[in-house]
Amino acid sequence: MHDLMTCVFVQLRCKPGKAYEVADHIYEREIVSELYSTSGEWDLLIKLYVPHEEDIGKFINTHILDIEYIERSLTTLTFKAF
C-alpha cells in the first residue's frame, strides 16, 4: 500500500497550551500514520502518507493546517534512496 504513497513528515507549532487540542483534532480526522508530542521548537510531529496523485501542499493545507491553534508548520518530504 505504501508503495503508492509518499511519506511526509509535518512538524507543527501550536499556540501555547493548545498542542493537545490540536492533536485531538488531527486524530479525529484519521489521516496520520503516527503523531508525536515533541520538545524544542515544534510541538507536534506527524508522519503521514499522501497518495502519489495528490498535491502534497494542498493535501496538508486542506487536511491539517485548517485546524485552529496551529501557528506554523514545517513539511519534510521523503525520497526512496535505499
Protein backbone atom coordinates (compact mmCIF):
# COMPACT_ATOMS: atom_id res chain seq x y z
CA MET A 1 0.00 0.00 0.00
CA HIS A 2 2.73 2.50 0.95
CA ASP A 3 4.40 1.98 -2.46
CA LEU A 4 1.61 4.10 -3.96
CA MET A 5 2.05 6.87 -1.41
CA THR A 6 4.61 9.48 -0.42
CA CYS A 7 5.77 9.52 3.20
CA VAL A 8 5.65 13.05 4.59
CA PHE A 9 6.62 14.43 7.99
CA VAL A 10 4.95 17.60 9.26
CA GLN A 11 6.07 19.48 12.34
CA LEU A 12 3.59 21.85 13.95
CA ARG A 13 3.96 24.77 16.30
CA CYS A 14 0.77 25.39 18.25
CA LYS A 15 -0.45 28.33 20.29
CA PRO A 16 0.69 27.95 23.91
CA GLY A 17 -1.33 25.35 25.80
CA LYS A 18 -3.17 24.11 22.69
CA ALA A 19 -0.99 21.21 21.46
CA TYR A 20 -3.23 18.52 22.97
CA GLU A 21 -6.33 20.10 21.47
CA VAL A 22 -4.67 20.25 18.04
CA ALA A 23 -3.53 16.62 18.42
CA ASP A 24 -7.10 15.55 19.26
CA HIS A 25 -8.41 17.22 16.09
CA ILE A 26 -5.72 15.53 14.00
CA TYR A 27 -6.55 12.09 15.42
CA GLU A 28 -10.26 12.64 14.76
CA ARG A 29 -9.51 13.06 11.04
CA GLU A 30 -7.85 9.61 10.87
CA ILE A 31 -5.29 10.64 8.24
CA VAL A 32 -1.97 10.27 10.07
CA SER A 33 0.18 7.20 10.46
CA GLU A 34 1.91 8.45 13.61
CA LEU A 35 1.61 11.53 15.82
CA TYR A 36 4.11 12.58 18.48
CA SER A 37 4.45 15.35 21.02
CA THR A 38 7.98 16.75 20.80
CA SER A 39 10.29 19.01 22.76
CA GLY A 40 12.02 22.03 21.32
CA GLU A 41 10.91 24.47 18.66
CA TRP A 42 7.98 22.31 17.44
CA ASP A 43 5.11 20.88 19.49
CA LEU A 44 3.90 18.00 17.31
CA LEU A 45 5.44 15.69 14.73
CA ILE A 46 3.16 13.95 12.23
CA LYS A 47 4.02 11.11 9.90
CA LEU A 48 1.51 10.61 7.12
CA TYR A 49 1.25 9.02 3.72
CA VAL A 50 -0.12 11.07 0.84
CA PRO A 51 -1.31 9.30 -2.33
CA HIS A 52 1.13 9.91 -5.23
CA GLU A 53 -1.58 11.54 -7.34
CA GLU A 54 -2.38 14.13 -4.63
CA ASP A 55 -0.76 17.56 -4.44
CA ILE A 56 1.09 17.34 -1.12
CA GLY A 57 0.83 21.04 -0.28
CA LYS A 58 -2.89 21.14 -0.98
CA PHE A 59 -3.44 17.89 0.97
CA ILE A 60 -1.68 19.28 4.05
CA ASN A 61 -3.43 22.66 3.79
CA THR A 62 -6.83 21.01 3.42
CA HIS A 63 -6.48 18.21 5.97
CA ILE A 64 -4.19 19.63 8.67
CA LEU A 65 -3.45 23.34 8.50
CA ASP A 66 -7.08 24.38 8.72
CA ILE A 67 -7.11 23.24 12.37
CA GLU A 68 -7.41 26.11 14.82
CA TYR A 69 -4.42 26.97 17.04
CA ILE A 70 -1.71 25.90 14.58
CA GLU A 71 0.73 28.79 14.29
CA ARG A 72 3.34 27.35 11.93
CA SER A 73 4.29 24.18 10.10
CA LEU A 74 7.36 22.60 8.54
CA THR A 75 6.85 19.85 5.96
CA THR A 76 9.60 17.38 5.06
CA LEU A 77 9.22 15.16 2.01
CA THR A 78 10.95 11.80 1.84
CA PHE A 79 12.59 10.08 -1.09
CA LYS A 80 13.34 6.40 -1.56
CA ALA A 81 17.13 6.30 -1.50
CA PHE A 82 17.85 2.76 -0.30
